[in-house]
Amino acid sequence: MKIKGEAALVTGASAGLGREVAKALAARGARVVMVARGKDALDAAVTDVRASTGNLDVHGLAFDIGEKEATPRLAGAAAALV
């Protein structure tokens, strides 16, 4: 599967599996938007993924996707980044 240059949105991306998925996609050249509720932890995760993969096209958005109203705002913000 071709990943390089493709856009990817990863939820739960500040820790655990979400962070590792974001890192794997970034390492393969994807344009990655990492999403999590906590801004501080998310910012640290974005910094880590950029540093460990050399991919600067990794971005973070702090949203709670459990809130119905957040979904359209998240989609628009993510599209603007990648």
Protein backbone atom coordinates (compact mmCIF):
# COMPACT_ATOMS: atom_id res chain seq x y z
CA MET A 1 0.00 0.00 0.00
CA LYS A 2 1.31 3.44 -0.95
CA ILE A 3 1.47 5.67 2.14
CA LYS A 4 3.98 8.37 1.16
CA GLY A 5 2.21 11.68 0.61
CA GLU A 6 -1.18 10.35 1.73
CA ALA A 7 -3.12 12.12 4.48
CA ALA A 8 -3.87 10.24 7.70
CA LEU A 9 -5.89 11.24 10.76
CA VAL A 10 -5.09 9.31 13.94
CA THR A 11 -7.27 9.59 17.05
CA GLY A 12 -6.11 8.82 20.57
CA ALA A 13 -2.72 9.93 19.31
CA SER A 14 -1.15 11.36 22.47
CA ALA A 15 -0.17 7.95 23.86
CA GLY A 16 -0.17 4.21 23.36
CA LEU A 17 -1.36 2.63 20.15
CA GLY A 18 -2.52 5.90 18.59
CA ARG A 19 0.89 7.48 19.07
CA GLU A 20 2.65 4.44 17.63
CA VAL A 21 0.33 4.32 14.60
CA ALA A 22 1.00 8.01 13.96
CA LYS A 23 4.74 7.37 14.26
CA ALA A 24 4.60 4.44 11.82
CA LEU A 25 2.62 6.42 9.26
CA ALA A 26 4.93 9.44 9.58
CA ALA A 27 7.98 7.20 9.18
CA ARG A 28 6.54 5.99 5.87
CA GLY A 29 6.03 9.56 4.65
CA ALA A 30 2.35 10.17 5.32
CA ARG A 31 0.99 13.61 6.15
CA VAL A 32 -0.34 12.97 9.65
CA VAL A 33 -2.88 14.78 11.82
CA MET A 34 -2.76 13.52 15.39
CA VAL A 35 -5.92 14.04 17.46
CA ALA A 36 -6.35 13.78 21.23
CA ARG A 37 -8.21 15.55 24.02
CA GLY A 38 -5.24 16.77 26.08
CA LYS A 39 -3.28 19.53 24.35
CA ASP A 40 -0.11 19.25 26.45
CA ALA A 41 0.28 15.49 25.96
CA LEU A 42 -0.62 15.86 22.29
CA ASP A 43 1.98 18.58 21.73
CA ALA A 44 4.63 16.34 23.33
CA ALA A 45 3.57 13.43 21.12
CA VAL A 46 3.72 15.54 17.95
CA THR A 47 7.21 16.74 18.88
CA ASP A 48 8.31 13.15 19.52
CA VAL A 49 6.90 11.84 16.23
CA ARG A 50 8.49 14.65 14.23
CA ALA A 51 11.87 14.16 15.92
CA SER A 52 11.91 10.37 15.68
CA THR A 53 10.78 10.19 12.04
CA GLY A 54 12.19 13.38 10.53
CA ASN A 55 8.74 14.05 9.07
CA LEU A 56 7.74 17.65 9.74
CA ASP A 57 4.34 17.17 8.10
CA VAL A 58 2.89 15.94 11.40
CA HIS A 59 0.29 18.10 13.12
CA GLY A 60 -1.76 17.97 16.30
CA LEU A 61 -5.36 18.96 16.94
CA ALA A 62 -6.86 18.90 20.41
CA PHE A 63 -10.48 17.76 20.07
CA ASP A 64 -12.84 15.52 22.00
CA ILE A 65 -14.34 13.37 19.24
CA GLY A 66 -16.92 12.10 21.71
CA GLU A 67 -18.66 15.45 21.34
CA LYS A 68 -20.98 15.34 18.33
CA GLU A 69 -20.41 19.02 17.55
CA ALA A 70 -16.64 18.53 17.35
CA THR A 71 -16.72 16.27 14.29
CA PRO A 72 -17.35 18.89 11.58
CA ARG A 73 -14.89 21.32 13.17
CA LEU A 74 -12.26 18.58 13.37
CA ALA A 75 -12.79 17.58 9.75
CA GLY A 76 -12.37 21.16 8.57
CA ALA A 77 -9.30 21.81 10.70
CA ALA A 78 -7.64 18.56 9.60
CA ALA A 79 -8.36 19.22 5.92
CA ALA A 80 -6.76 22.64 6.22
CA LEU A 81 -3.56 21.09 7.60
CA VAL A 82 -3.06 18.29 5.11
